Amino acid sequence: MNTQKGLDYKNRLYSILLALILLCFLVGYFLYMLPSLYVDYRMEQNLKSVKTLHREFVKNGVYEGIKATSSANSISAKIPYKGDSVFLAGPAFHIELTAKEDYAKTILMELQGILFQYKDISSLNEEDRKHLFDDTEASLTRWKELLEKKEGFFSLPFTAAATFGNTAEYRELYTKVHTASDHCIIIEAAVTDSANTYVSYFAMEDTSDSFVLTILTSMMPDMNEIRPVVLQSLPMICSVVLLLVLIFSQVYSRGILTPLYTALEKQNKALEEENKRQEIFMRASSHKLKTPISAALLLLDGMIHQVGKYQNTKEFLPKVKSQLLSMRKMVEDILSLNHCQERQQLQTLNLIAVLNKCLFDYRLVISEKQLQITRSDAAELIILSDEYLLSQILDNLISNAVKYTPRGEMIEISVTAHALTIKNHGVNIPDDILPHVYDPFVSGNHADESAGHGLGLYIASYYAKLQNAALLVENHADSVSASVIFGREKDL
């Protein structure tokens, strides 16, 4: 029990350490990796959105039915290479502007010329794309002069000014060029005002008859703004992780460690009992063997030296043989006990068939003692067992019953669905012996020459245990019953 408590304590300790390591990993991930991954994700979504908006506008000329991130911050323009109209579209509007005055048409033609100059923009290399507008200063200057006239453009008078490069307020961070298709490029430009970062996407594509431009702007997420949110969530994250780890530890301990420990403890206990049994058994057997050896040597010395009655060798040689046979039987039983577990082979057996075979071997002794055998086979008992071990169990029980039953008495044998009982009448086991009948070398009558060496019930009990069965010996009014109760049976 103390060992199990120690194991549970170590399991909880290791679980807490695992929770702390996991928390450190999660905190590091949320504080440093997650914000960066989120920013990358948002930038990818923005790029995907401008591609979607631009593609749908080129295809349909309107924004209807388009679902994209930050679509409210976008606008598209379609400028034909010929004609006097310009088309503008956004999420909530679609405008067609037509130049009516001559100077307005001139402005539009100047713009069309600038755009047509870069009709093959998709074929430019990366360096040329970065300097896309460097050579347009002259054209833009002429366009600016036209715009600064006080006359209307598209019947809407306005002035415009263009400034390129960094200012005191805004600073350019980077410019990237993405190729969306063979005729479409997307310029990604980021500027910062030291407080926020703004990213603009310019999707430009030349079609067969026009130049299409889509602009989408968004604010880049700031990693430093995400970290405080993560820090505020840390107490909850820590509590949940610790709780989950502890619950898992408890479930793991009860569902896996406890059964495993119980099984190991059971195996260790069985091993300790087996070692103790073998030690006690070997000591007792060596002591028990001394008696027949001493008796046989005494008889032989008497016959060799022709001392008194021992001169009659015909009378005493059979007694020497009997002692030697007793020793041989004991040695065979000892060897069998030590190797039975290694060689057992489980198979389905018919108990009644094995019982009949064992009874057949004792038919002469039963007839000589005029014993009455009664049978009551209530059911056919099919068990999973080792045939040799089962035969030894039944042989020992039948041998005891035949040996200790007085002449002319009755032996009852009954078979039920789960047990075999052999009951011999006219005899009882002494009360002081009964609690120890399962111990080795315990015999009910040591003075009787027919008494065995006291291993029969011990062997039967031990073999029964190996077969997942139990041996129960009981005294009755004028009889003794020995029952083998099987815990593993299989009906066929």
Protein backbone atom coordinates (compact mmCIF):
# COMPACT_ATOMS: atom_id res chain seq x y z
CA MET A 1 0.00 0.00 0.00
CA ASN A 2 2.82 2.39 0.89
CA THR A 3 4.47 1.58 -2.42
CA GLN A 4 1.25 2.40 -4.28
CA LYS A 5 0.90 5.70 -2.41
CA GLY A 6 4.49 6.56 -3.29
CA LEU A 7 3.80 5.73 -6.92
CA ASP A 8 0.69 7.94 -6.92
CA TYR A 9 2.68 10.78 -5.32
CA LYS A 10 5.41 10.51 -7.97
CA ASN A 11 2.79 10.40 -10.70
CA ARG A 12 1.20 13.63 -9.43
CA LEU A 13 4.62 15.28 -9.04
CA TYR A 14 5.64 14.36 -12.57
CA SER A 15 2.26 15.57 -13.83
CA ILE A 16 2.77 18.97 -12.18
CA LEU A 17 6.27 19.23 -13.68
CA LEU A 18 4.82 18.31 -17.06
CA ALA A 19 2.14 20.98 -16.62
CA LEU A 20 4.79 23.62 -15.82
CA ILE A 21 6.86 22.67 -18.86
CA LEU A 22 3.75 22.74 -21.01
CA LEU A 23 2.79 26.15 -19.61
CA CYS A 24 6.24 27.55 -20.37
CA PHE A 25 5.96 26.29 -23.93
CA LEU A 26 2.45 27.69 -24.36
CA VAL A 27 3.38 31.07 -22.88
CA GLY A 28 6.40 31.32 -25.17
CA TYR A 29 4.31 30.28 -28.12
CA PHE A 30 1.51 32.77 -27.40
CA LEU A 31 3.85 35.67 -26.65
CA TYR A 32 6.37 35.28 -29.44
CA MET A 33 5.25 32.91 -32.17
CA LEU A 34 1.46 33.37 -32.25
CA PRO A 35 1.50 37.17 -32.82
CA SER A 36 3.95 36.77 -35.69
CA LEU A 37 1.88 33.95 -37.18
CA TYR A 38 -1.26 36.05 -36.82
CA VAL A 39 0.33 39.00 -38.62
CA ASP A 40 1.50 36.71 -41.42
CA TYR A 41 -1.98 35.22 -41.63
CA ARG A 42 -3.63 38.65 -41.86
CA MET A 43 -1.21 39.74 -44.58
CA GLU A 44 -1.90 36.57 -46.55
CA GLN A 45 -5.66 37.15 -46.19
CA ASN A 46 -5.31 40.72 -47.41
CA LEU A 47 -3.31 39.60 -50.44
CA LYS A 48 -5.89 36.92 -51.13
CA SER A 49 -8.68 39.49 -50.80
CA VAL A 50 -7.19 41.93 -53.31
CA LYS A 51 -6.69 39.06 -55.75
CA THR A 52 -10.33 38.04 -55.36
CA LEU A 53 -11.67 41.59 -55.67
CA HIS A 54 -9.55 42.34 -58.70
CA ARG A 55 -10.39 39.08 -60.45
CA GLU A 56 -14.14 39.49 -59.94
CA PHE A 57 -14.09 43.13 -61.03
CA VAL A 58 -12.19 42.26 -64.22
CA LYS A 59 -14.70 39.52 -64.89
CA ASN A 60 -17.99 41.27 -63.98
CA GLY A 61 -17.15 44.99 -63.72
CA VAL A 62 -18.91 45.26 -60.33
CA TYR A 63 -18.40 44.15 -56.70
CA GLU A 64 -21.78 42.47 -56.28
CA GLY A 65 -21.65 39.14 -54.40
CA ILE A 66 -17.95 39.42 -53.56
CA LYS A 67 -16.98 38.35 -50.03
CA ALA A 68 -13.44 39.23 -49.09
CA THR A 69 -11.50 40.56 -46.11
CA SER A 70 -11.25 44.38 -45.88
CA SER A 71 -13.38 44.79 -49.02
CA ALA A 72 -14.80 48.03 -47.57
CA ASN A 73 -11.34 49.62 -47.92
CA SER A 74 -10.99 48.82 -51.59
CA ILE A 75 -11.71 50.52 -54.89
CA SER A 76 -11.24 49.42 -58.50
CA ALA A 77 -10.82 51.43 -61.68
CA LYS A 78 -11.12 50.38 -65.29
CA ILE A 79 -9.48 52.77 -67.81
CA PRO A 80 -10.00 51.77 -71.44
CA TYR A 81 -7.08 52.42 -73.79
CA LYS A 82 -9.56 54.08 -76.13
CA GLY A 83 -12.67 56.10 -75.45
CA ASP A 84 -13.76 58.91 -73.18
CA SER A 85 -15.08 56.93 -70.17
CA VAL A 86 -13.55 55.66 -66.92
CA PHE A 87 -15.29 53.09 -64.68
CA LEU A 88 -14.96 53.11 -60.87
CA ALA A 89 -16.39 50.53 -58.46
CA GLY A 90 -16.41 49.82 -54.76
CA PRO A 91 -18.42 47.65 -52.33
CA ALA A 92 -21.31 50.14 -52.34
CA PHE A 93 -21.05 51.98 -55.66
CA HIS A 94 -20.39 51.73 -59.39
CA ILE A 95 -19.59 54.91 -61.33
CA GLU A 96 -19.01 55.62 -65.01
CA LEU A 97 -17.20 58.94 -65.64
CA THR A 98 -17.26 60.43 -69.14
CA ALA A 99 -15.04 63.29 -70.32
CA LYS A 100 -17.14 65.95 -72.06
CA GLU A 101 -14.76 68.88 -72.53
CA ASP A 102 -11.84 68.77 -74.95
CA TYR A 103 -9.20 69.47 -72.31
CA ALA A 104 -10.73 66.70 -70.12
CA LYS A 105 -10.45 64.32 -73.04
CA THR A 106 -6.81 65.45 -73.39
CA ILE A 107 -6.15 64.62 -69.75
CA LEU A 108 -7.74 61.18 -70.20
CA MET A 109 -5.72 60.54 -73.36
CA GLU A 110 -2.52 61.54 -71.51
CA LEU A 111 -3.38 59.04 -68.75
CA GLN A 112 -4.21 56.36 -71.31
CA GLY A 113 -0.83 56.99 -72.92
CA ILE A 114 0.98 56.58 -69.61
CA LEU A 115 -0.84 53.30 -68.92
CA PHE A 116 -0.43 51.97 -72.45
CA GLN A 117 3.31 52.62 -72.13
CA TYR A 118 3.37 49.89 -69.46
CA LYS A 119 0.93 47.53 -71.10
CA ASP A 120 3.45 44.69 -70.86
CA ILE A 121 4.26 45.40 -67.19
CA SER A 122 3.95 41.72 -66.26
CA SER A 123 7.00 40.91 -68.38
CA LEU A 124 9.28 43.28 -66.43
CA ASN A 125 11.78 41.86 -63.98
CA GLU A 126 11.71 42.53 -60.23
CA GLU A 127 14.13 45.45 -60.29
CA ASP A 128 12.26 47.20 -63.13
CA ARG A 129 8.98 46.77 -61.31
CA LYS A 130 10.35 48.47 -58.20
CA HIS A 131 11.17 51.50 -60.32
CA LEU A 132 7.92 51.30 -62.22
CA PHE A 133 7.07 55.00 -61.88
CA ASP A 134 10.58 56.50 -62.01
CA ASP A 135 10.31 57.30 -65.75
CA THR A 136 6.78 58.73 -65.60
CA GLU A 137 7.69 62.04 -63.99
CA ALA A 138 7.52 63.97 -67.26
CA SER A 139 4.15 62.48 -68.17
CA LEU A 140 2.76 63.12 -64.70
CA THR A 141 4.03 66.69 -64.80
CA ARG A 142 2.10 67.33 -68.02
CA TRP A 143 -0.97 65.69 -66.50
CA LYS A 144 -0.58 67.82 -63.39
CA GLU A 145 -0.45 71.01 -65.45
CA LEU A 146 -3.67 70.07 -67.16
CA LEU A 147 -5.34 69.27 -63.84
CA GLU A 148 -4.31 72.62 -62.36
CA LYS A 149 -6.32 74.50 -64.95
CA LYS A 150 -9.41 76.06 -63.46
CA GLU A 151 -11.68 74.30 -65.88
CA GLY A 152 -13.59 71.11 -65.03
CA PHE A 153 -12.56 67.55 -65.57
CA PHE A 154 -15.42 65.19 -66.28
CA SER A 155 -17.57 68.28 -65.60
CA LEU A 156 -16.19 68.24 -62.01
CA PRO A 157 -13.59 70.99 -61.41
CA PHE A 158 -10.77 69.99 -59.01
CA THR A 159 -7.04 70.32 -58.57
CA ALA A 160 -4.57 67.61 -57.65
CA ALA A 161 -0.97 67.36 -56.53
CA ALA A 162 1.33 64.32 -56.52
CA THR A 163 4.24 63.79 -54.12
CA PHE A 164 6.56 60.78 -54.16
CA GLY A 165 8.97 59.46 -51.50
CA ASN A 166 9.10 59.81 -47.72
CA THR A 167 7.68 62.72 -45.76
CA ALA A 168 8.25 63.83 -42.24
CA GLU A 169 5.06 62.09 -41.11
CA TYR A 170 5.19 58.87 -43.11
CA ARG A 171 8.12 56.59 -43.77
CA GLU A 172 8.19 53.82 -46.35
CA LEU A 173 8.93 50.37 -44.89
CA TYR A 174 9.00 48.06 -47.87
CA THR A 175 7.64 47.37 -51.33
CA LYS A 176 6.92 43.90 -52.65
CA VAL A 177 5.72 42.78 -56.06
CA HIS A 178 3.53 39.67 -56.43
CA THR A 179 2.68 38.02 -59.71
CA ALA A 180 -1.01 37.09 -59.74
CA SER A 181 -1.17 35.93 -63.36
CA ASP A 182 0.54 36.44 -66.73
CA HIS A 183 -1.09 39.86 -67.12
CA CYS A 184 -1.57 40.91 -63.49
CA ILE A 185 0.83 42.03 -60.80
CA ILE A 186 0.16 43.18 -57.25
CA ILE A 187 2.36 45.78 -55.60
CA GLU A 188 2.37 45.62 -51.83
CA ALA A 189 3.63 48.80 -50.17
CA ALA A 190 3.86 49.52 -46.46
CA VAL A 191 4.36 52.86 -44.70
CA THR A 192 4.42 53.79 -41.05
CA ASP A 193 3.71 56.93 -39.09
CA SER A 194 5.68 55.55 -36.08
CA ALA A 195 2.40 54.66 -34.39
CA ASN A 196 0.73 52.42 -36.97
CA THR A 197 1.69 50.56 -40.09
CA TYR A 198 -0.47 50.80 -43.21
CA VAL A 199 -0.29 48.40 -46.13
CA SER A 200 -1.67 49.17 -49.55
CA TYR A 201 -2.16 46.66 -52.34
CA PHE A 202 -2.24 47.77 -55.98
CA ALA A 203 -3.48 45.11 -58.37
CA MET A 204 -2.78 46.13 -61.95
CA GLU A 205 -3.77 44.21 -65.05
CA ASP A 206 -3.90 45.05 -68.74
CA THR A 207 -6.68 43.47 -70.71
CA SER A 208 -7.13 43.56 -74.45
CA ASP A 209 -8.82 46.97 -74.41
CA SER A 210 -8.28 48.54 -70.97
CA PHE A 211 -6.16 48.96 -67.88
CA VAL A 212 -7.72 47.76 -64.59
CA LEU A 213 -6.51 48.88 -61.20
CA THR A 214 -7.72 47.66 -57.78
CA ILE A 215 -6.54 49.28 -54.56
CA LEU A 216 -7.00 47.80 -51.09
CA THR A 217 -5.66 49.35 -47.93
CA SER A 218 -5.47 47.92 -44.41
CA MET A 219 -3.71 48.45 -41.13
CA MET A 220 -1.09 45.86 -40.30
CA PRO A 221 -1.72 44.19 -36.91
CA ASP A 222 0.85 45.10 -34.29
CA MET A 223 2.37 42.18 -32.41
CA ASN A 224 2.81 44.35 -29.33
CA GLU A 225 -0.95 44.87 -29.24
CA ILE A 226 -1.61 41.13 -29.22
CA ARG A 227 0.76 40.27 -26.37
CA PRO A 228 -1.20 42.15 -23.64
CA VAL A 229 -4.30 40.17 -24.61
CA VAL A 230 -2.32 36.95 -24.24
CA LEU A 231 -0.94 38.08 -20.88
CA GLN A 232 -4.45 38.80 -19.64
CA SER A 233 -5.47 35.28 -20.63
CA LEU A 234 -2.52 33.59 -18.93
CA PRO A 235 -4.25 32.95 -15.55
CA MET A 236 -7.10 31.17 -17.28
CA ILE A 237 -4.73 29.28 -19.59
CA CYS A 238 -2.59 28.18 -16.63
CA SER A 239 -5.63 27.08 -14.62
CA VAL A 240 -7.11 25.11 -17.50
CA VAL A 241 -3.82 23.42 -18.41
CA LEU A 242 -3.07 22.52 -14.78
CA LEU A 243 -6.60 21.21 -14.27
CA LEU A 244 -6.49 19.12 -17.44
CA VAL A 245 -3.09 17.68 -16.55
CA LEU A 246 -4.23 16.78 -13.03
CA ILE A 247 -7.43 15.19 -14.33
CA PHE A 248 -5.44 13.24 -16.90
CA SER A 249 -2.98 12.23 -14.19
CA GLN A 250 -5.80 10.98 -11.98
CA VAL A 251 -7.44 9.08 -14.81
CA TYR A 252 -4.07 7.69 -15.89
CA SER A 253 -3.27 6.65 -12.32
CA ARG A 254 -6.59 4.93 -11.75
CA GLY A 255 -7.07 3.52 -15.21
CA ILE A 256 -3.53 2.38 -16.02
CA LEU A 257 -1.08 2.64 -13.13
CA THR A 258 -3.34 1.18 -10.44
CA PRO A 259 -4.35 -1.93 -12.45
CA LEU A 260 -0.75 -2.34 -13.60
CA TYR A 261 0.56 -1.97 -10.07
CA THR A 262 -2.12 -4.36 -8.79
CA ALA A 263 -1.17 -6.94 -11.40
CA LEU A 264 2.55 -6.55 -10.63
CA GLU A 265 1.87 -6.72 -6.92
CA LYS A 266 -0.18 -9.86 -7.44
CA GLN A 267 2.60 -11.41 -9.50
CA ASN A 268 5.22 -10.44 -6.92
CA LYS A 269 3.09 -11.85 -4.13
CA ALA A 270 2.58 -15.07 -6.08
CA LEU A 271 6.33 -15.25 -6.73
CA GLU A 272 7.12 -14.69 -3.06
CA GLU A 273 4.61 -17.36 -2.08
CA GLU A 274 6.07 -19.75 -4.64
CA ASN A 275 9.64 -19.13 -3.41
CA LYS A 276 8.54 -19.60 0.17
CA ARG A 277 6.61 -22.74 -0.77
CA GLN A 278 9.59 -24.22 -2.54
CA GLU A 279 11.92 -23.42 0.34
CA ILE A 280 9.60 -24.96 2.93
CA PHE A 281 8.81 -27.87 0.67
CA MET A 282 12.45 -28.68 -0.01
CA ARG A 283 13.28 -28.54 3.69
CA ALA A 284 10.32 -30.72 4.59
CA SER A 285 10.97 -33.18 1.76
CA SER A 286 14.63 -33.58 2.68
CA HIS A 287 13.58 -34.22 6.28
CA LYS A 288 10.83 -36.58 5.18
CA LEU A 289 13.20 -38.59 2.98
CA LYS A 290 15.46 -39.30 5.94
CA THR A 291 12.90 -41.64 7.52
CA PRO A 292 12.59 -44.23 4.71
CA ILE A 293 16.29 -43.98 3.98
CA SER A 294 17.18 -44.64 7.62
CA ALA A 295 14.66 -47.49 7.82
CA ALA A 296 15.95 -49.09 4.63
CA LEU A 297 19.59 -48.79 5.79
CA LEU A 298 18.68 -50.28 9.18
CA LEU A 299 17.00 -53.24 7.55
CA LEU A 300 19.89 -53.78 5.16
CA ASP A 301 22.50 -53.59 7.96
CA GLY A 302 20.52 -56.17 9.94
CA MET A 303 20.35 -58.53 6.98
CA ILE A 304 23.98 -58.02 6.03
CA HIS A 305 25.18 -58.80 9.56
CA GLN A 306 22.44 -61.45 10.08
CA VAL A 307 21.29 -59.89 13.34
CA GLY A 308 18.40 -61.77 15.01
CA LYS A 309 15.18 -61.78 13.02
CA TYR A 310 16.80 -59.89 10.17
CA GLN A 311 18.40 -63.16 9.07
CA ASN A 312 15.03 -63.88 7.40
CA THR A 313 15.73 -61.92 4.25
CA LYS A 314 12.56 -63.13 2.53
CA GLU A 315 10.54 -61.32 5.15
CA PHE A 316 12.50 -58.07 5.30
CA LEU A 317 13.64 -57.53 1.69
CA PRO A 318 10.06 -56.71 0.61
CA LYS A 319 9.98 -54.11 3.39
CA VAL A 320 13.20 -52.58 2.06
CA LYS A 321 11.67 -52.52 -1.40
CA SER A 322 8.56 -50.86 0.02
CA GLN A 323 10.68 -48.12 1.59
CA LEU A 324 12.58 -47.59 -1.67
CA LEU A 325 9.33 -47.41 -3.66
CA SER A 326 8.02 -44.86 -1.18
CA MET A 327 11.16 -42.77 -1.65
CA ARG A 328 10.90 -43.05 -5.43
CA LYS A 329 7.26 -41.96 -5.36
CA MET A 330 8.19 -38.98 -3.19
CA VAL A 331 11.05 -37.97 -5.50
CA GLU A 332 8.79 -38.27 -8.55
CA ASP A 333 6.17 -36.06 -6.87
CA ILE A 334 8.80 -33.49 -5.97
CA LEU A 335 10.17 -33.38 -9.51
CA SER A 336 6.67 -33.15 -10.91
CA LEU A 337 5.83 -30.24 -8.63
CA ASN A 338 8.91 -28.33 -9.70
CA HIS A 339 8.31 -28.71 -13.43
CA CYS A 340 4.54 -28.95 -13.80
CA GLN A 341 4.00 -25.25 -14.40
CA GLU A 342 6.56 -25.17 -17.22
CA ARG A 343 5.09 -28.05 -19.20
CA GLN A 344 1.36 -27.57 -18.73
CA GLN A 345 -0.70 -27.33 -21.93
CA LEU A 346 -4.27 -26.12 -21.60
CA GLN A 347 -6.94 -27.82 -23.69
CA THR A 348 -10.68 -28.51 -23.52
CA LEU A 349 -11.30 -31.77 -21.65
CA ASN A 350 -14.30 -33.85 -20.70
CA LEU A 351 -13.98 -34.27 -16.93
CA ILE A 352 -16.12 -37.41 -16.83
CA ALA A 353 -13.90 -39.13 -19.40
CA VAL A 354 -10.75 -38.37 -17.39
CA LEU A 355 -12.53 -39.49 -14.19
CA ASN A 356 -13.55 -42.83 -15.74
CA LYS A 357 -9.97 -43.45 -16.82
CA CYS A 358 -8.64 -42.84 -13.29
CA LEU A 359 -11.31 -45.07 -11.70
CA PHE A 360 -10.40 -47.86 -14.12
CA ASP A 361 -6.85 -47.91 -12.72
CA TYR A 362 -8.22 -48.63 -9.19
CA ARG A 363 -10.76 -51.29 -10.15
CA LEU A 364 -8.75 -54.15 -8.58
CA VAL A 365 -8.23 -52.39 -5.24
CA ILE A 366 -11.89 -51.36 -5.16
CA SER A 367 -12.95 -54.95 -5.83
CA GLU A 368 -10.52 -56.35 -3.22
CA LYS A 369 -11.84 -54.01 -0.48
CA GLN A 370 -15.43 -54.59 -1.64
CA LEU A 371 -16.06 -50.86 -1.88
CA GLN A 372 -19.37 -49.56 -3.25
CA ILE A 373 -19.01 -46.83 -5.88
CA THR A 374 -22.05 -44.64 -6.60
CA ARG A 375 -22.12 -42.11 -9.40
CA SER A 376 -24.22 -38.97 -9.84
CA ASP A 377 -23.25 -37.23 -13.05
CA ALA A 378 -25.75 -34.36 -13.22
CA ALA A 379 -24.03 -32.67 -16.13
CA GLU A 380 -21.25 -33.15 -18.65
CA LEU A 381 -18.47 -30.90 -17.38
CA ILE A 382 -16.20 -29.51 -20.11
CA ILE A 383 -13.20 -27.59 -18.72
CA LEU A 384 -10.06 -25.88 -19.95
CA SER A 385 -7.22 -27.73 -18.25
CA ASP A 386 -3.97 -29.65 -18.59
CA GLU A 387 -4.70 -33.35 -18.99
CA TYR A 388 -1.71 -34.51 -16.93
CA LEU A 389 -2.38 -32.14 -14.04
CA LEU A 390 -6.10 -32.93 -14.05
CA SER A 391 -5.32 -36.66 -14.01
CA GLN A 392 -2.95 -36.16 -11.06
CA ILE A 393 -5.63 -34.23 -9.12
CA LEU A 394 -8.25 -36.93 -9.67
CA ASP A 395 -5.74 -39.74 -9.05
CA ASN A 396 -4.74 -38.32 -5.67
CA LEU A 397 -8.35 -37.80 -4.58
CA ILE A 398 -9.45 -41.28 -5.70
CA SER A 399 -6.30 -42.82 -4.17
CA ASN A 400 -7.04 -41.22 -0.76
CA ALA A 401 -10.70 -42.25 -0.93
CA VAL A 402 -9.87 -45.87 -1.80
CA LYS A 403 -7.00 -46.08 0.70
CA TYR A 404 -8.79 -44.65 3.75
CA THR A 405 -12.32 -45.97 3.19
CA PRO A 406 -12.94 -49.06 5.40
CA ARG A 407 -13.73 -52.36 3.71
CA GLY A 408 -17.26 -52.65 2.45
CA GLU A 409 -18.05 -48.91 2.80
CA MET A 410 -19.31 -46.60 0.08
CA ILE A 411 -17.66 -43.92 -2.06
CA GLU A 412 -19.97 -41.33 -3.67
CA ILE A 413 -18.83 -39.50 -6.80
CA SER A 414 -20.91 -36.61 -8.17
CA VAL A 415 -20.35 -34.22 -11.07
CA THR A 416 -22.24 -30.93 -11.35
CA ALA A 417 -21.99 -28.05 -13.81
CA HIS A 418 -19.01 -26.55 -11.98
CA ALA A 419 -17.56 -29.11 -9.58
CA LEU A 420 -16.51 -32.69 -8.89
CA THR A 421 -17.06 -34.18 -5.42
CA ILE A 422 -15.67 -37.48 -4.06
CA LYS A 423 -17.17 -38.50 -0.70
CA ASN A 424 -15.95 -41.58 1.20
CA HIS A 425 -17.95 -42.95 4.14
CA GLY A 426 -16.88 -44.58 7.41
CA VAL A 427 -13.96 -42.29 8.12
CA ASN A 428 -13.13 -38.75 9.35
CA ILE A 429 -10.05 -36.59 9.37
CA PRO A 430 -8.91 -35.72 12.92
CA ASP A 431 -9.92 -32.17 13.86
CA ASP A 432 -6.34 -31.15 14.61
CA ILE A 433 -5.22 -32.38 11.19
CA LEU A 434 -8.06 -30.95 9.06
CA PRO A 435 -6.79 -27.31 8.91
CA HIS A 436 -3.40 -28.57 7.69
CA VAL A 437 -4.44 -31.18 5.09
CA TYR A 438 -3.28 -28.86 2.29
CA ASP A 439 0.23 -28.65 3.76
CA PRO A 440 2.97 -31.01 2.51
CA PHE A 441 3.72 -34.23 4.41
CA VAL A 442 0.57 -34.11 6.54
CA SER A 443 -1.06 -37.53 6.97
CA GLY A 444 -4.01 -38.57 9.06
CA ASN A 445 -2.50 -41.77 10.45
CA HIS A 446 1.27 -42.06 10.58
CA ALA A 447 1.20 -45.40 12.38
CA ASP A 448 -0.69 -47.09 9.59
CA GLU A 449 1.63 -48.73 7.13
CA SER A 450 -0.81 -47.95 4.37
CA ALA A 451 -0.53 -44.24 5.08
CA GLY A 452 1.13 -42.26 2.35
CA HIS A 453 3.83 -39.66 2.62
CA GLY A 454 1.32 -36.79 2.98
CA LEU A 455 1.72 -35.18 -0.45
CA GLY A 456 -1.58 -36.25 -2.05
CA LEU A 457 -3.84 -33.39 -1.00
CA TYR A 458 -0.99 -30.88 -1.18
CA ILE A 459 -0.32 -31.86 -4.81
CA ALA A 460 -4.03 -31.89 -5.66
CA SER A 461 -4.50 -28.43 -4.09
CA TYR A 462 -1.45 -26.99 -5.84
CA TYR A 463 -2.38 -28.43 -9.24
CA ALA A 464 -5.97 -27.21 -8.84
CA LYS A 465 -4.72 -23.69 -8.18
CA LEU A 466 -2.68 -23.82 -11.39
CA GLN A 467 -5.87 -24.76 -13.26
CA ASN A 468 -7.83 -21.83 -11.82
CA ALA A 469 -9.73 -24.18 -9.58
CA ALA A 470 -10.03 -24.73 -5.82
CA LEU A 471 -9.85 -27.86 -3.65
CA LEU A 472 -12.18 -28.06 -0.64
CA VAL A 473 -11.88 -30.91 1.91
CA GLU A 474 -14.60 -31.16 4.58
CA ASN A 475 -15.60 -33.51 7.42
CA HIS A 476 -19.20 -34.74 7.69
CA ALA A 477 -21.00 -36.94 10.24
CA ASP A 478 -19.39 -40.19 9.12
CA SER A 479 -17.62 -39.21 5.92
CA VAL A 480 -15.06 -36.97 4.27
CA SER A 481 -15.70 -35.04 1.02
CA ALA A 482 -13.13 -33.61 -1.36
CA SER A 483 -14.50 -31.18 -3.97
CA VAL A 484 -12.73 -29.62 -6.93
CA ILE A 485 -14.52 -26.39 -7.88
CA PHE A 486 -13.59 -25.15 -11.34
CA GLY A 487 -13.46 -21.44 -12.01
CA ARG A 488 -12.92 -21.69 -15.76
CA GLU A 489 -15.22 -23.82 -17.85
CA LYS A 490 -16.26 -23.80 -21.49
CA ASP A 491 -19.41 -25.32 -22.85
CA LEU A 492 -19.08 -26.78 -26.29
